[in-house]
Amino acid sequence: MRPTIYKNTGILAVLAIFLLSACANIQKVVDKGDYDLAIKMATKKLRGKTKKKVKYVIALEEAFQKANKNDMARIDYLKRRNDANAWEKIFNTANGIAYRQNLISPLLPVIDEEGYKANFTFVKTDIILNHSAEMASELLYQEGRAHLALAQRGNKNSARQAYNVFAKIKKFDRNYKDVITLTAKAHELGIVHIAYRVANRSNGFLPANVNRHLTNINTNSLNTFWEQYHIGAVNFEPDYEMVLNVDNIDLGPEIVNEKEFQEKKKISTGFKAVKDKGGNPKVDTTGKKIMVETFAWVTADVLRTSQRREGCIHARMVVRNLKTNAIVSHRKFVGKTVFENCFVEFWGDKRALSPATV
């Protein structure tokens, strides 16, 4: 039986066009000016090949030369600006050149299948990187110190700007001069401190357990990198004060429950000598009297009284800038709470009471 041969000239034509376009794609990318993409595509096509296609070699050479020429022209232009941002861009550009050269370096020498040897002139990027890093670091350092000087006069925004500027230096040199110390100082000066307290503005009594509940705030969940909350008195002047003003407390009926019970405990009353049948104290082998601990039962009658009352609290949260005395936030709150109290009375021996009762 003869094998069936399918002839489909349409599929063959599409395949041929695809293969031709794959060869031409890299040159099109070069012509569009996307040189680094063309270099990546070409090096991928040439890597590991003993016979290197002419088109790929020519495209790689052209893309490399044009990319480096453009980057070096950009570096020359940025040098004339001579500011921290320019030197940072020079540093980044030099890194791009180094990355590009590292892609091609393993392929050298690049010789196509017809014997043509491509020309690649490498840039000494380490010199550019070191110089641009030093220039950027110094200019950023001076800029950061200028912001820090304003921060030391109380300007929080300048402190944060100083922090961000010093943080940039770490990209070039983490241990540049005293930048670690100055970064920490800028962070310290840039933190906004907010003091929180509760103020009872109502005519009624605010029970201790309710006040405790309103002030029982986990500040760690509120703190951010630039904000710190404090409850109670602080030994410095905060930047903002956040006050929860309790304006009114509506109380429901009081519910009282009483429970009577008795507690009993066996306690030690001391020691006594062990006696024989004749009533004489027993002694051990050393002649010392043999003593045993004595116990007795004690009791106490207990009355536990629990009081419970539900209430509705009307309050206002007021945030004030203590530097300007301006109110920056004012919000009203209504919340439910439960007032609870419990106390015990007893008659008898206090030693009989358990820790839970006391």
Protein backbone atom coordinates (compact mmCIF):
# COMPACT_ATOMS: atom_id res chain seq x y z
CA MET A 1 0.00 0.00 0.00
CA ARG A 2 1.50 3.32 -1.06
CA PRO A 3 1.64 6.07 1.57
CA THR A 4 -0.73 8.96 1.07
CA ILE A 5 1.06 12.21 0.32
CA TYR A 6 -0.86 15.37 1.10
CA LYS A 7 0.06 18.29 -1.08
CA ASN A 8 -0.95 21.65 0.27
CA THR A 9 0.91 24.46 -1.42
CA GLY A 10 -0.90 27.01 0.74
CA ILE A 11 0.60 25.64 3.97
CA LEU A 12 4.06 25.41 2.42
CA ALA A 13 3.82 29.01 1.23
CA VAL A 14 2.80 30.26 4.69
CA LEU A 15 5.64 28.29 6.29
CA ALA A 16 8.13 29.75 3.84
CA ILE A 17 6.91 33.28 4.52
CA PHE A 18 7.16 32.65 8.31
CA LEU A 19 10.76 31.43 8.03
CA LEU A 20 11.74 34.36 5.83
CA SER A 21 10.06 36.84 8.17
CA ALA A 22 11.87 35.31 11.18
CA CYS A 23 15.14 36.06 9.44
CA ALA A 24 14.09 39.55 8.53
CA ASN A 25 12.50 40.42 11.88
CA ILE A 26 15.78 41.29 13.60
CA GLN A 27 16.75 43.77 10.88
CA LYS A 28 13.30 45.37 11.13
CA VAL A 29 13.81 45.80 14.88
CA VAL A 30 17.17 47.44 14.16
CA ASP A 31 15.59 49.76 11.60
CA LYS A 32 12.97 50.79 14.17
CA GLY A 33 15.73 51.77 16.58
CA ASP A 34 15.05 49.14 19.24
CA TYR A 35 18.69 48.15 19.36
CA ASP A 36 18.78 46.27 22.65
CA LEU A 37 15.86 44.06 21.62
CA ALA A 38 17.61 43.35 18.32
CA ILE A 39 20.81 42.44 20.23
CA LYS A 40 18.90 40.02 22.45
CA MET A 41 17.23 38.40 19.44
CA ALA A 42 20.47 38.14 17.48
CA THR A 43 22.56 36.72 20.34
CA LYS A 44 19.86 34.12 20.94
CA LYS A 45 20.01 33.10 17.25
CA LEU A 46 23.82 32.98 17.20
CA ARG A 47 24.46 31.36 20.56
CA GLY A 48 25.94 27.84 20.16
CA LYS A 49 25.94 27.99 16.34
CA THR A 50 29.10 27.04 14.46
CA LYS A 51 27.70 28.46 11.22
CA LYS A 52 26.43 31.90 11.99
CA LYS A 53 23.93 33.44 9.59
CA VAL A 54 25.16 36.53 7.80
CA LYS A 55 21.97 38.50 8.49
CA TYR A 56 22.15 37.87 12.23
CA VAL A 57 25.81 38.87 12.45
CA ILE A 58 25.26 42.07 10.45
CA ALA A 59 22.17 42.97 12.48
CA LEU A 60 24.03 42.35 15.76
CA GLU A 61 26.99 44.45 14.72
CA GLU A 62 24.81 47.33 13.51
CA ALA A 63 22.55 47.28 16.58
CA PHE A 64 25.52 47.18 18.96
CA GLN A 65 27.38 50.04 17.30
CA LYS A 66 24.32 52.28 17.13
CA ALA A 67 23.22 51.49 20.69
CA ASN A 68 26.62 52.26 22.17
CA LYS A 69 26.99 55.40 20.02
CA ASN A 70 23.62 56.72 21.25
CA ASP A 71 24.36 55.89 24.88
CA MET A 72 27.80 57.53 24.81
CA ALA A 73 26.29 60.66 23.23
CA ARG A 74 23.67 60.69 25.99
CA ILE A 75 26.41 60.34 28.63
CA ASP A 76 28.36 63.29 27.14
CA TYR A 77 25.20 65.43 27.21
CA LEU A 78 24.37 64.48 30.81
CA LYS A 79 27.90 65.27 31.97
CA ARG A 80 27.41 68.87 30.94
CA ARG A 81 24.36 69.15 33.19
CA ASN A 82 26.44 68.06 36.20
CA ASP A 83 23.63 67.49 38.71
CA ALA A 84 22.80 64.50 40.87
CA ASN A 85 19.95 63.35 38.62
CA ALA A 86 22.18 63.51 35.55
CA TRP A 87 24.95 61.48 37.17
CA GLU A 88 22.41 58.90 38.32
CA LYS A 89 21.19 58.60 34.72
CA ILE A 90 24.81 58.25 33.54
CA PHE A 91 25.27 55.43 36.07
CA ASN A 92 22.14 53.67 34.79
CA THR A 93 23.15 54.15 31.16
CA ALA A 94 26.62 52.71 31.82
CA ASN A 95 24.99 49.71 33.47
CA GLY A 96 22.92 49.23 30.33
CA ILE A 97 26.06 49.32 28.18
CA ALA A 98 27.74 46.78 30.47
CA TYR A 99 24.74 44.46 30.25
CA ARG A 100 24.72 44.75 26.45
CA GLN A 101 28.45 43.98 26.22
CA ASN A 102 28.06 41.00 28.55
CA LEU A 103 25.51 39.51 26.15
CA ILE A 104 27.97 39.66 23.26
CA SER A 105 31.22 38.90 25.08
CA PRO A 106 30.72 35.07 25.23
CA LEU A 107 30.20 34.99 21.44
CA LEU A 108 33.46 36.71 20.51
CA PRO A 109 34.90 36.54 17.96
CA VAL A 110 31.66 36.72 15.92
CA ILE A 111 32.41 35.36 12.42
CA ASP A 112 29.60 34.64 9.98
CA GLU A 113 29.36 31.61 7.69
CA GLU A 114 31.06 33.55 4.86
CA GLY A 115 34.08 34.44 7.00
CA TYR A 116 33.22 38.04 7.88
CA LYS A 117 34.37 39.05 11.37
CA ALA A 118 32.07 41.56 13.06
CA ASN A 119 33.64 44.55 14.77
CA PHE A 120 32.66 45.29 18.39
CA THR A 121 34.40 48.12 20.22
CA PHE A 122 33.68 47.75 23.94
CA VAL A 123 33.36 50.67 26.32
CA LYS A 124 35.25 50.57 29.64
CA THR A 125 32.09 50.89 31.73
CA ASP A 126 33.80 50.35 35.09
CA ILE A 127 35.47 53.77 34.83
CA ILE A 128 32.16 55.46 34.00
CA LEU A 129 30.32 53.57 36.73
CA ASN A 130 32.83 54.44 39.44
CA HIS A 131 33.03 58.11 38.45
CA SER A 132 29.27 58.60 38.07
CA ALA A 133 28.61 56.81 41.37
CA GLU A 134 31.08 59.10 43.18
CA MET A 135 29.65 62.25 41.58
CA ALA A 136 26.03 61.27 42.20
CA SER A 137 26.77 60.29 45.80
CA GLU A 138 28.50 63.56 46.63
CA LEU A 139 25.85 65.76 45.02
CA LEU A 140 23.05 63.78 46.67
CA TYR A 141 24.90 63.96 49.98
CA GLN A 142 25.04 67.77 49.79
CA GLU A 143 21.37 67.94 48.78
CA GLY A 144 20.40 65.64 51.66
CA ARG A 145 22.31 67.74 54.18
CA ALA A 146 20.53 70.87 52.96
CA HIS A 147 17.15 69.21 53.51
CA LEU A 148 18.32 67.94 56.90
CA ALA A 149 19.25 71.46 58.01
CA LEU A 150 15.65 72.54 57.41
CA ALA A 151 14.40 69.40 59.13
CA GLN A 152 16.31 70.30 62.28
CA ARG A 153 14.25 73.49 62.43
CA GLY A 154 11.07 71.44 62.58
CA ASN A 155 10.23 70.90 58.90
CA LYS A 156 8.88 67.34 58.68
CA ASN A 157 8.64 67.39 54.86
CA SER A 158 12.30 68.37 54.57
CA ALA A 159 13.20 65.49 56.89
CA ARG A 160 11.40 63.04 54.62
CA GLN A 161 13.02 64.54 51.54
CA ALA A 162 16.41 64.18 53.23
CA TYR A 163 15.63 60.55 54.02
CA ASN A 164 14.70 59.80 50.40
CA VAL A 165 17.82 61.54 49.07
CA PHE A 166 20.13 59.66 51.45
CA ALA A 167 18.37 56.41 50.51
CA LYS A 168 19.37 57.01 46.87
CA ILE A 169 23.05 57.12 47.83
CA LYS A 170 22.83 53.53 49.08
CA LYS A 171 22.32 52.48 45.45
CA PHE A 172 25.89 53.60 44.76
CA ASP A 173 27.62 53.10 48.11
CA ARG A 174 25.84 51.92 51.28
CA ASN A 175 28.69 53.13 53.48
CA TYR A 176 29.25 56.52 51.86
CA LYS A 177 30.60 58.91 54.52
CA ASP A 178 28.12 59.13 57.44
CA VAL A 179 25.02 58.55 55.30
CA ILE A 180 23.74 55.72 57.53
CA THR A 181 23.73 58.02 60.57
CA LEU A 182 22.16 60.88 58.62
CA THR A 183 19.46 58.60 57.19
CA ALA A 184 18.48 57.51 60.70
CA LYS A 185 18.47 61.14 61.85
CA ALA A 186 16.25 62.17 58.94
CA HIS A 187 13.83 59.38 59.74
CA GLU A 188 13.70 60.40 63.39
CA LEU A 189 13.01 64.05 62.50
CA GLY A 190 10.41 63.11 59.91
CA ILE A 191 8.19 61.05 62.22
CA VAL A 192 4.88 62.63 63.18
CA HIS A 193 4.03 61.91 66.83
CA ILE A 194 0.34 61.70 67.72
CA ALA A 195 -0.83 61.65 71.35
CA TYR A 196 -4.16 59.95 72.11
CA ARG A 197 -6.33 60.43 75.19
CA VAL A 198 -9.94 60.18 76.36
CA ALA A 199 -11.77 63.20 77.82
CA ASN A 200 -15.06 62.82 79.69
CA ARG A 201 -17.15 65.84 78.66
CA SER A 202 -20.41 64.36 79.94
CA ASN A 203 -21.96 65.23 83.27
CA GLY A 204 -21.84 61.59 84.33
CA PHE A 205 -19.21 59.34 85.77
CA LEU A 206 -17.12 57.36 83.30
CA PRO A 207 -16.49 53.92 84.82
CA ALA A 208 -12.90 52.77 84.99
CA ASN A 209 -13.53 49.68 82.84
CA VAL A 210 -15.07 51.83 80.07
CA ASN A 211 -12.17 54.29 80.18
CA ARG A 212 -9.78 51.33 80.08
CA HIS A 213 -11.61 49.91 77.06
CA LEU A 214 -11.48 53.25 75.19
CA THR A 215 -7.75 53.64 75.83
CA ASN A 216 -6.85 50.01 75.23
CA ILE A 217 -5.54 50.59 71.72
CA ASN A 218 -2.79 48.58 70.07
CA THR A 219 -0.57 51.37 68.81
CA ASN A 220 1.56 48.91 66.82
CA SER A 221 -1.38 48.36 64.49
CA LEU A 222 -1.65 52.13 63.94
CA ASN A 223 2.02 53.05 63.67
CA THR A 224 3.53 53.52 60.24
CA PHE A 225 7.03 54.33 59.05
CA TRP A 226 6.30 58.05 59.38
CA GLU A 227 3.64 58.07 62.13
CA GLN A 228 3.79 56.99 65.77
CA TYR A 229 0.88 56.99 68.21
CA HIS A 230 1.24 57.42 71.97
CA ILE A 231 -1.27 56.77 74.75
CA GLY A 232 -0.96 58.66 77.99
CA ALA A 233 1.66 61.19 79.03
CA VAL A 234 4.84 61.60 76.95
CA ASN A 235 8.08 63.37 77.86
CA PHE A 236 8.15 65.44 74.66
CA GLU A 237 5.80 67.72 72.77
CA PRO A 238 3.82 65.69 70.20
CA ASP A 239 2.89 67.08 66.79
CA TYR A 240 -0.79 66.19 66.96
CA GLU A 241 -3.29 65.43 69.70
CA MET A 242 -6.12 63.00 69.08
CA VAL A 243 -8.83 63.33 71.75
CA LEU A 244 -11.89 61.13 72.10
CA ASN A 245 -14.41 63.45 73.78
CA VAL A 246 -17.18 61.49 75.52
CA ASP A 247 -20.13 63.92 75.35
CA ASN A 248 -22.96 61.80 76.70
CA ILE A 249 -23.66 58.35 78.14
CA ASP A 250 -27.21 56.96 77.94
CA LEU A 251 -27.60 54.19 80.51
CA GLY A 252 -30.16 51.39 80.54
CA PRO A 253 -31.61 49.69 83.65
CA GLU A 254 -29.20 48.09 86.08
CA ILE A 255 -29.29 44.30 86.42
CA VAL A 256 -28.07 42.92 89.75
CA ASN A 257 -27.32 39.25 90.39
CA GLU A 258 -26.38 37.82 93.79
CA LYS A 259 -24.94 34.39 94.48
CA GLU A 260 -24.36 32.84 97.89
CA PHE A 261 -21.97 29.93 98.37
CA GLN A 262 -19.53 28.47 100.84
CA GLU A 263 -15.86 27.82 100.34
CA LYS A 264 -13.80 25.38 102.35
CA LYS A 265 -10.07 24.71 102.41
CA LYS A 266 -7.71 22.42 104.23
CA ILE A 267 -4.85 24.46 105.68
CA SER A 268 -1.68 23.72 107.60
CA THR A 269 -1.82 24.60 111.30
CA GLY A 270 1.73 23.70 112.22
CA PHE A 271 3.68 20.63 113.36
CA LYS A 272 3.43 18.20 116.30
CA ALA A 273 5.62 15.45 117.71
CA VAL A 274 4.78 11.82 117.00
CA LYS A 275 4.22 9.88 120.26
CA ASP A 276 4.38 6.20 121.10
CA LYS A 277 1.70 4.22 122.97
CA GLY A 278 3.07 5.43 126.26
CA GLY A 279 2.65 9.09 125.23
CA ASN A 280 6.36 9.72 124.85
CA PRO A 281 7.74 11.58 121.78
CA LYS A 282 9.35 9.33 119.16
CA VAL A 283 12.87 10.09 118.02
CA ASP A 284 14.84 9.15 114.91
CA THR A 285 18.26 7.53 114.78
CA THR A 286 19.95 10.86 115.47
CA GLY A 287 17.87 11.46 118.58
CA LYS A 288 15.71 14.21 117.06
CA LYS A 289 11.97 14.24 117.64
CA ILE A 290 9.86 13.01 114.72
CA MET A 291 7.46 15.81 113.71
CA VAL A 292 4.41 15.68 111.44
CA GLU A 293 2.44 18.53 109.85
CA THR A 294 -1.05 19.17 111.18
CA PHE A 295 -4.06 20.34 109.17
CA ALA A 296 -7.49 21.80 109.80
CA TRP A 297 -10.53 22.70 107.72
CA VAL A 298 -11.61 26.37 107.52
CA THR A 299 -14.78 27.74 105.93
CA ALA A 300 -16.21 31.05 104.77
CA ASP A 301 -19.70 32.04 103.59
CA VAL A 302 -19.52 34.20 100.45
CA LEU A 303 -21.96 36.58 98.77
CA ARG A 304 -20.93 37.57 95.23
CA THR A 305 -22.81 40.53 93.73
CA SER A 306 -22.53 41.37 90.01
CA GLN A 307 -23.90 44.53 88.44
CA ARG A 308 -24.48 45.00 84.73
CA ARG A 309 -25.79 47.95 82.77
CA GLU A 310 -25.81 48.57 79.02
CA GLY A 311 -25.17 52.04 77.73
CA CYS A 312 -24.79 54.13 74.58
CA ILE A 313 -21.81 56.46 74.29
CA HIS A 314 -21.89 59.61 72.14
CA ALA A 315 -18.39 60.88 71.40
CA ARG A 316 -16.31 63.07 69.09
CA MET A 317 -12.83 62.33 67.79
CA VAL A 318 -10.95 65.61 67.43
CA VAL A 319 -7.46 65.75 65.91
CA ARG A 320 -5.56 68.98 66.49
CA ASN A 321 -2.25 70.21 65.11
CA LEU A 322 -0.44 71.29 68.25
CA LYS A 323 2.03 73.44 66.28
CA THR A 324 -0.71 75.60 64.74
CA ASN A 325 -3.58 74.75 67.11
CA ALA A 326 -5.72 74.05 64.06
CA ILE A 327 -8.31 71.25 64.07
CA VAL A 328 -7.50 68.94 61.16
CA SER A 329 -10.20 66.33 61.75
CA HIS A 330 -13.51 66.17 63.60
CA ARG A 331 -15.73 63.07 63.57
CA LYS A 332 -18.70 61.97 65.64
CA PHE A 333 -19.13 58.44 66.99
CA VAL A 334 -21.95 56.52 68.63
CA GLY A 335 -21.17 53.18 70.25
CA LYS A 336 -22.66 50.68 72.63
CA THR A 337 -20.89 49.57 75.77
CA VAL A 338 -21.51 47.44 78.84
CA PHE A 339 -20.77 48.65 82.35
CA GLU A 340 -19.97 45.74 84.66
CA ASN A 341 -18.96 45.57 88.29
CA CYS A 342 -18.51 42.66 90.66
CA PHE A 343 -17.69 42.50 94.38
CA VAL A 344 -17.77 39.88 97.13
CA GLU A 345 -18.56 39.88 100.83
CA PHE A 346 -17.67 37.02 103.18
CA TRP A 347 -18.19 35.86 106.73
CA GLY A 348 -15.78 33.41 108.30
CA ASP A 349 -12.11 32.59 107.76
CA LYS A 350 -10.54 34.53 104.91
CA ARG A 351 -8.02 31.75 104.40
CA ALA A 352 -10.81 29.60 102.98
CA LEU A 353 -11.32 31.90 99.98
CA SER A 354 -9.98 30.76 96.63
CA PRO A 355 -7.86 33.10 94.43
CA ALA A 356 -10.77 33.37 91.99
CA THR A 357 -13.06 34.66 94.70
CA VAL A 358 -10.58 37.15 96.12
